[in-house]
Amino acid sequence: MAALPCPIVTAEHLKTGQAAEHAACHWLETHGLRLVARNQRWRDGELDLVMRDGNTLVFVEVRYRANDRYGGAAASVTRSKQQRLIRAAGHFLAAHPALAQLPCRFDVITACGNPESPQLDWLRNAFAAQ
């Protein structure tokens, strides 16, 4: 007997994360940033949003938490997470040499509450590549 095909199921937390990323992207665009790329993945990291803020290339990590239990969204951007983001940004810049000449920064958008219309907080220059 042939195996049944596996249904494609998207985990609920992934749907929630995507909704928060969409809300964050839209919110940043209303604040003058322009989307360059979204969901860029490499073996050792992922970039949620890559945006332009004037002449600056901004790598944006979007962190959603339903509540502040266990430290909240900002606390979840640990040093190891920052290192993964820095490595992913390096891969992105290597793949897009024209953008590699721009000044760069790392921002974090924290989102809480309803993922479809979350409360957002923008932490500009949240950490630096060292």
N, C-alpha and C. Protein backbone atom coordinates (compact mmCIF):
# COMPACT_ATOMS: atom_id res chain seq x y z
N MET A 1 0.84 -1.17 0.00
CA MET A 1 0.00 0.00 0.00
C MET A 1 0.89 1.24 0.00
N ALA A 2 0.56 2.17 -0.84
CA ALA A 2 1.34 3.41 -0.95
C ALA A 2 1.08 4.30 0.26
N ALA A 3 2.11 5.04 0.62
CA ALA A 3 1.98 5.98 1.73
C ALA A 3 1.07 7.13 1.33
N LEU A 4 0.30 7.59 2.29
CA LEU A 4 -0.56 8.74 2.05
C LEU A 4 0.29 10.00 2.00
N PRO A 5 -0.04 10.94 1.13
CA PRO A 5 0.72 12.19 1.09
C PRO A 5 0.54 12.96 2.39
N CYS A 6 1.60 13.61 2.80
CA CYS A 6 1.53 14.44 4.01
C CYS A 6 0.85 15.75 3.67
N PRO A 7 -0.15 16.12 4.45
CA PRO A 7 -0.78 17.42 4.19
C PRO A 7 0.18 18.54 4.58
N ILE A 8 0.13 19.62 3.83
CA ILE A 8 0.95 20.78 4.16
C ILE A 8 0.22 21.57 5.24
N VAL A 9 0.86 21.68 6.38
CA VAL A 9 0.25 22.38 7.50
C VAL A 9 1.23 23.46 7.95
N THR A 10 0.74 24.66 8.09
CA THR A 10 1.56 25.74 8.60
C THR A 10 1.26 25.87 10.09
N ALA A 11 2.31 25.81 10.89
CA ALA A 11 2.14 25.92 12.33
C ALA A 11 1.54 27.27 12.68
N GLU A 12 0.71 27.27 13.71
CA GLU A 12 0.03 28.50 14.12
C GLU A 12 1.01 29.59 14.49
N HIS A 13 2.11 29.23 15.16
CA HIS A 13 3.08 30.28 15.55
C HIS A 13 3.74 30.91 14.34
N LEU A 14 3.87 30.16 13.23
CA LEU A 14 4.43 30.73 12.00
C LEU A 14 3.45 31.72 11.38
N LYS A 15 2.17 31.38 11.40
CA LYS A 15 1.14 32.30 10.89
C LYS A 15 1.13 33.58 11.72
N THR A 16 1.23 33.43 13.04
CA THR A 16 1.25 34.58 13.93
C THR A 16 2.46 35.45 13.64
N GLY A 17 3.62 34.82 13.47
CA GLY A 17 4.84 35.57 13.16
C GLY A 17 4.73 36.31 11.84
N GLN A 18 4.16 35.67 10.83
CA GLN A 18 3.99 36.31 9.53
C GLN A 18 3.06 37.51 9.63
N ALA A 19 1.98 37.38 10.41
CA ALA A 19 1.06 38.51 10.58
C ALA A 19 1.76 39.68 11.28
N ALA A 20 2.56 39.38 12.29
CA ALA A 20 3.29 40.44 13.00
C ALA A 20 4.32 41.09 12.08
N GLU A 21 5.01 40.31 11.24
CA GLU A 21 5.98 40.86 10.30
C GLU A 21 5.29 41.77 9.29
N HIS A 22 4.14 41.34 8.80
CA HIS A 22 3.39 42.16 7.84
C HIS A 22 2.98 43.49 8.49
N ALA A 23 2.47 43.43 9.71
CA ALA A 23 2.07 44.65 10.41
C ALA A 23 3.27 45.56 10.65
N ALA A 24 4.41 44.98 11.04
CA ALA A 24 5.62 45.77 11.28
C ALA A 24 6.11 46.42 10.00
N CYS A 25 6.10 45.69 8.90
CA CYS A 25 6.55 46.23 7.62
C CYS A 25 5.67 47.41 7.21
N HIS A 26 4.37 47.24 7.29
CA HIS A 26 3.45 48.32 6.94
C HIS A 26 3.67 49.54 7.84
N TRP A 27 3.84 49.31 9.13
CA TRP A 27 4.04 50.39 10.08
C TRP A 27 5.34 51.14 9.78
N LEU A 28 6.41 50.40 9.48
CA LEU A 28 7.69 51.06 9.15
C LEU A 28 7.57 51.85 7.85
N GLU A 29 6.82 51.33 6.89
CA GLU A 29 6.63 52.07 5.64
C GLU A 29 5.88 53.38 5.89
N THR A 30 4.95 53.39 6.83
CA THR A 30 4.25 54.64 7.15
C THR A 30 5.18 55.62 7.85
N HIS A 31 6.31 55.13 8.37
CA HIS A 31 7.31 55.98 9.01
C HIS A 31 8.47 56.29 8.07
N GLY A 32 8.28 56.05 6.78
CA GLY A 32 9.24 56.48 5.77
C GLY A 32 10.26 55.46 5.31
N LEU A 33 10.27 54.26 5.85
CA LEU A 33 11.21 53.24 5.39
C LEU A 33 10.66 52.55 4.14
N ARG A 34 11.55 52.02 3.33
CA ARG A 34 11.14 51.30 2.11
C ARG A 34 11.62 49.87 2.18
N LEU A 35 10.74 48.95 1.84
CA LEU A 35 11.08 47.52 1.86
C LEU A 35 12.04 47.19 0.73
N VAL A 36 13.13 46.48 1.09
CA VAL A 36 14.10 45.98 0.11
C VAL A 36 13.90 44.48 -0.08
N ALA A 37 13.76 43.75 1.03
CA ALA A 37 13.59 42.30 0.97
C ALA A 37 12.92 41.82 2.25
N ARG A 38 12.36 40.65 2.16
CA ARG A 38 11.69 40.05 3.32
C ARG A 38 12.01 38.57 3.39
N ASN A 39 12.12 38.06 4.62
CA ASN A 39 12.35 36.62 4.86
C ASN A 39 13.51 36.05 4.06
N GLN A 40 14.67 36.65 4.23
CA GLN A 40 15.89 36.17 3.58
C GLN A 40 16.51 35.11 4.49
N ARG A 41 16.67 33.89 3.96
CA ARG A 41 17.15 32.77 4.78
C ARG A 41 18.49 32.25 4.29
N TRP A 42 19.34 31.94 5.26
CA TRP A 42 20.60 31.25 5.02
C TRP A 42 20.71 30.16 6.06
N ARG A 43 21.67 29.28 5.87
CA ARG A 43 21.83 28.14 6.77
C ARG A 43 21.99 28.59 8.22
N ASP A 44 22.70 29.67 8.45
CA ASP A 44 22.97 30.08 9.84
C ASP A 44 22.22 31.34 10.27
N GLY A 45 21.13 31.69 9.59
CA GLY A 45 20.35 32.83 10.04
C GLY A 45 19.29 33.26 9.05
N GLU A 46 18.40 34.12 9.53
CA GLU A 46 17.30 34.63 8.71
C GLU A 46 17.11 36.10 9.03
N LEU A 47 16.77 36.87 8.00
CA LEU A 47 16.44 38.28 8.17
C LEU A 47 14.95 38.44 7.90
N ASP A 48 14.22 38.98 8.87
CA ASP A 48 12.78 39.18 8.69
C ASP A 48 12.51 40.23 7.63
N LEU A 49 13.07 41.43 7.83
CA LEU A 49 12.87 42.53 6.91
C LEU A 49 14.20 43.22 6.66
N VAL A 50 14.43 43.61 5.41
CA VAL A 50 15.55 44.47 5.06
C VAL A 50 14.92 45.70 4.44
N MET A 51 15.23 46.87 5.01
CA MET A 51 14.57 48.10 4.59
C MET A 51 15.59 49.20 4.38
N ARG A 52 15.17 50.25 3.69
CA ARG A 52 16.01 51.44 3.53
C ARG A 52 15.38 52.56 4.35
N ASP A 53 16.22 53.22 5.12
CA ASP A 53 15.83 54.42 5.86
C ASP A 53 16.73 55.52 5.34
N GLY A 54 16.26 56.20 4.30
CA GLY A 54 17.13 57.16 3.62
C GLY A 54 18.26 56.40 2.95
N ASN A 55 19.50 56.74 3.31
CA ASN A 55 20.67 56.09 2.72
C ASN A 55 21.17 54.93 3.58
N THR A 56 20.45 54.57 4.63
CA THR A 56 20.87 53.50 5.54
C THR A 56 20.09 52.22 5.26
N LEU A 57 20.82 51.12 5.21
CA LEU A 57 20.21 49.80 5.06
C LEU A 57 19.91 49.29 6.47
N VAL A 58 18.67 48.90 6.70
CA VAL A 58 18.22 48.51 8.04
C VAL A 58 17.79 47.05 8.02
N PHE A 59 18.43 46.25 8.87
CA PHE A 59 18.04 44.85 9.06
C PHE A 59 17.12 44.83 10.27
N VAL A 60 15.86 44.42 10.04
CA VAL A 60 14.83 44.50 11.07
C VAL A 60 14.45 43.10 11.54
N GLU A 61 14.59 42.88 12.83
CA GLU A 61 14.13 41.64 13.46
C GLU A 61 12.78 41.94 14.10
N VAL A 62 11.76 41.16 13.75
CA VAL A 62 10.42 41.34 14.32
C VAL A 62 10.20 40.24 15.33
N ARG A 63 9.89 40.62 16.57
CA ARG A 63 9.67 39.65 17.65
C ARG A 63 8.27 39.85 18.20
N TYR A 64 7.47 38.80 18.11
CA TYR A 64 6.10 38.84 18.63
C TYR A 64 6.00 38.01 19.90
N ARG A 65 5.32 38.53 20.86
CA ARG A 65 4.96 37.79 22.07
C ARG A 65 3.53 38.20 22.44
N ALA A 66 2.74 37.22 22.83
CA ALA A 66 1.37 37.51 23.22
C ALA A 66 1.32 38.35 24.49
N ASN A 67 2.33 38.17 25.37
CA ASN A 67 2.40 38.94 26.61
C ASN A 67 3.86 39.03 27.05
N ASP A 68 4.10 39.75 28.13
CA ASP A 68 5.46 39.97 28.62
C ASP A 68 5.97 38.88 29.56
N ARG A 69 5.19 37.81 29.73
CA ARG A 69 5.66 36.72 30.55
C ARG A 69 6.96 36.18 29.97
N TYR A 70 7.88 35.80 30.77
CA TYR A 70 9.19 35.28 30.36
C TYR A 70 10.07 36.35 29.71
N GLY A 71 9.84 37.62 30.04
CA GLY A 71 10.74 38.67 29.59
C GLY A 71 10.29 39.47 28.39
N GLY A 72 9.30 39.02 27.66
CA GLY A 72 8.80 39.79 26.54
C GLY A 72 9.62 39.64 25.28
N ALA A 73 9.18 40.35 24.25
CA ALA A 73 9.78 40.22 22.92
C ALA A 73 11.20 40.75 22.86
N ALA A 74 11.46 41.90 23.44
CA ALA A 74 12.81 42.49 23.36
C ALA A 74 13.84 41.59 24.03
N ALA A 75 13.49 40.98 25.14
CA ALA A 75 14.42 40.11 25.86
C ALA A 75 14.75 38.85 25.06
N SER A 76 13.94 38.52 24.07
CA SER A 76 14.18 37.31 23.29
C SER A 76 15.26 37.50 22.21
N VAL A 77 15.72 38.73 22.04
CA VAL A 77 16.81 38.98 21.09
C VAL A 77 18.12 38.87 21.86
N THR A 78 18.49 37.64 22.12
CA THR A 78 19.68 37.34 22.92
C THR A 78 20.95 37.61 22.13
N ARG A 79 22.08 37.53 22.80
CA ARG A 79 23.37 37.73 22.14
C ARG A 79 23.57 36.70 21.02
N SER A 80 23.17 35.46 21.24
CA SER A 80 23.32 34.45 20.18
C SER A 80 22.40 34.76 19.00
N LYS A 81 21.20 35.26 19.26
CA LYS A 81 20.29 35.66 18.17
C LYS A 81 20.90 36.82 17.40
N GLN A 82 21.48 37.78 18.11
CA GLN A 82 22.13 38.91 17.46
C GLN A 82 23.25 38.43 16.54
N GLN A 83 24.04 37.47 17.00
CA GLN A 83 25.14 36.94 16.18
C GLN A 83 24.61 36.26 14.92
N ARG A 84 23.49 35.54 15.02
CA ARG A 84 22.88 34.91 13.84
C ARG A 84 22.40 35.98 12.85
N LEU A 85 21.83 37.06 13.38
CA LEU A 85 21.37 38.15 12.52
C LEU A 85 22.54 38.84 11.82
N ILE A 86 23.62 39.03 12.55
CA ILE A 86 24.81 39.66 11.97
C ILE A 86 25.38 38.79 10.86
N ARG A 87 25.44 37.47 11.08
CA ARG A 87 25.93 36.57 10.03
C ARG A 87 25.00 36.60 8.81
N ALA A 88 23.68 36.60 9.05
CA ALA A 88 22.72 36.64 7.94
C ALA A 88 22.87 37.95 7.17
N ALA A 89 23.09 39.05 7.87
CA ALA A 89 23.29 40.34 7.20
C ALA A 89 24.54 40.30 6.33
N GLY A 90 25.59 39.65 6.82
CA GLY A 90 26.80 39.49 6.01
C GLY A 90 26.54 38.72 4.73
N HIS A 91 25.75 37.66 4.83
CA HIS A 91 25.38 36.88 3.64
C HIS A 91 24.58 37.75 2.66
N PHE A 92 23.64 38.52 3.22
CA PHE A 92 22.81 39.39 2.38
C PHE A 92 23.68 40.41 1.64
N LEU A 93 24.60 41.04 2.36
CA LEU A 93 25.47 42.05 1.75
C LEU A 93 26.39 41.43 0.70
N ALA A 94 26.85 40.22 0.95
CA ALA A 94 27.69 39.54 -0.05
C ALA A 94 26.89 39.23 -1.32
N ALA A 95 25.62 38.93 -1.16
CA ALA A 95 24.76 38.62 -2.31
C ALA A 95 24.29 39.87 -3.04
N HIS A 96 24.38 41.03 -2.38
CA HIS A 96 23.94 42.30 -2.97
C HIS A 96 25.04 43.34 -2.82
N PRO A 97 26.11 43.22 -3.59
CA PRO A 97 27.27 44.10 -3.40
C PRO A 97 26.96 45.59 -3.58
N ALA A 98 25.96 45.94 -4.37
CA ALA A 98 25.62 47.36 -4.53
C ALA A 98 25.11 47.96 -3.22
N LEU A 99 24.49 47.14 -2.39
CA LEU A 99 23.97 47.61 -1.10
C LEU A 99 25.03 47.58 -0.01
N ALA A 100 26.11 46.83 -0.23
CA ALA A 100 27.14 46.65 0.79
C ALA A 100 27.88 47.95 1.09
N GLN A 101 27.78 48.94 0.22
CA GLN A 101 28.47 50.21 0.44
C GLN A 101 27.68 51.14 1.36
N LEU A 102 26.43 50.82 1.64
CA LEU A 102 25.59 51.68 2.47
C LEU A 102 25.88 51.49 3.95
N PRO A 103 25.68 52.53 4.75
CA PRO A 103 25.73 52.32 6.20
C PRO A 103 24.59 51.40 6.60
N CYS A 104 24.82 50.56 7.61
CA CYS A 104 23.83 49.58 8.04
C CYS A 104 23.53 49.74 9.52
N ARG A 105 22.35 49.30 9.91
CA ARG A 105 22.01 49.22 11.33
C ARG A 105 21.04 48.06 11.54
N PHE A 106 20.95 47.66 12.82
CA PHE A 106 20.05 46.58 13.22
C PHE A 106 18.97 47.16 14.12
N ASP A 107 17.72 47.03 13.69
CA ASP A 107 16.57 47.47 14.48
C ASP A 107 15.78 46.25 14.91
N VAL A 108 15.03 46.42 15.98
CA VAL A 108 14.11 45.38 16.45
C VAL A 108 12.74 46.01 16.57
N ILE A 109 11.74 45.33 16.05
CA ILE A 109 10.34 45.72 16.26
C ILE A 109 9.74 44.68 17.18
N THR A 110 9.27 45.13 18.33
CA THR A 110 8.56 44.21 19.22
C THR A 110 7.06 44.38 18.98
N ALA A 111 6.38 43.27 18.99
CA ALA A 111 4.94 43.26 18.75
C ALA A 111 4.29 42.44 19.85
N CYS A 112 3.19 42.95 20.39
CA CYS A 112 2.45 42.19 21.40
C CYS A 112 0.97 42.42 21.21
N GLY A 113 0.19 41.52 21.80
CA GLY A 113 -1.26 41.60 21.67
C GLY A 113 -1.75 40.83 20.47
N ASN A 114 -2.79 41.33 19.83
CA ASN A 114 -3.40 40.70 18.67
C ASN A 114 -2.40 40.72 17.51
N PRO A 115 -2.00 39.58 16.97
CA PRO A 115 -0.99 39.57 15.90
C PRO A 115 -1.45 40.26 14.62
N GLU A 116 -2.76 40.34 14.40
CA GLU A 116 -3.27 41.01 13.19
C GLU A 116 -3.15 42.53 13.30
N SER A 117 -3.21 43.07 14.50
CA SER A 117 -3.05 44.51 14.73
C SER A 117 -2.32 44.70 16.06
N PRO A 118 -1.05 44.30 16.11
CA PRO A 118 -0.33 44.32 17.38
C PRO A 118 0.12 45.73 17.78
N GLN A 119 0.42 45.85 19.05
CA GLN A 119 1.05 47.06 19.56
C GLN A 119 2.53 46.92 19.22
N LEU A 120 3.08 47.91 18.53
CA LEU A 120 4.46 47.83 18.05
C LEU A 120 5.35 48.82 18.78
N ASP A 121 6.58 48.42 19.01
CA ASP A 121 7.60 49.29 19.59
C ASP A 121 8.85 49.15 18.73
N TRP A 122 9.42 50.27 18.33
CA TRP A 122 10.56 50.29 17.41
C TRP A 122 11.83 50.60 18.19
N LEU A 123 12.72 49.65 18.25
CA LEU A 123 14.01 49.83 18.91
C LEU A 123 15.06 50.06 17.83
N ARG A 124 15.31 51.32 17.52
CA ARG A 124 16.29 51.67 16.49
C ARG A 124 17.69 51.41 17.00
N ASN A 125 18.53 50.93 16.11
CA ASN A 125 19.92 50.68 16.47
C ASN A 125 19.99 49.81 17.73
N ALA A 126 19.22 48.75 17.75
CA ALA A 126 19.06 47.90 18.93
C ALA A 126 20.36 47.25 19.36
N PHE A 127 21.23 46.93 18.39
CA PHE A 127 22.54 46.37 18.68
C PHE A 127 23.45 46.64 17.50
N ALA A 128 24.73 46.46 17.70
CA ALA A 128 25.71 46.75 16.65
C ALA A 128 26.48 45.49 16.30
N ALA A 129 26.91 45.42 15.06
CA ALA A 129 27.78 44.32 14.61
C ALA A 129 29.18 44.61 15.15
N GLN A 130 29.77 43.61 15.77
CA GLN A 130 31.12 43.83 16.32
C GLN A 130 32.09 42.84 15.77
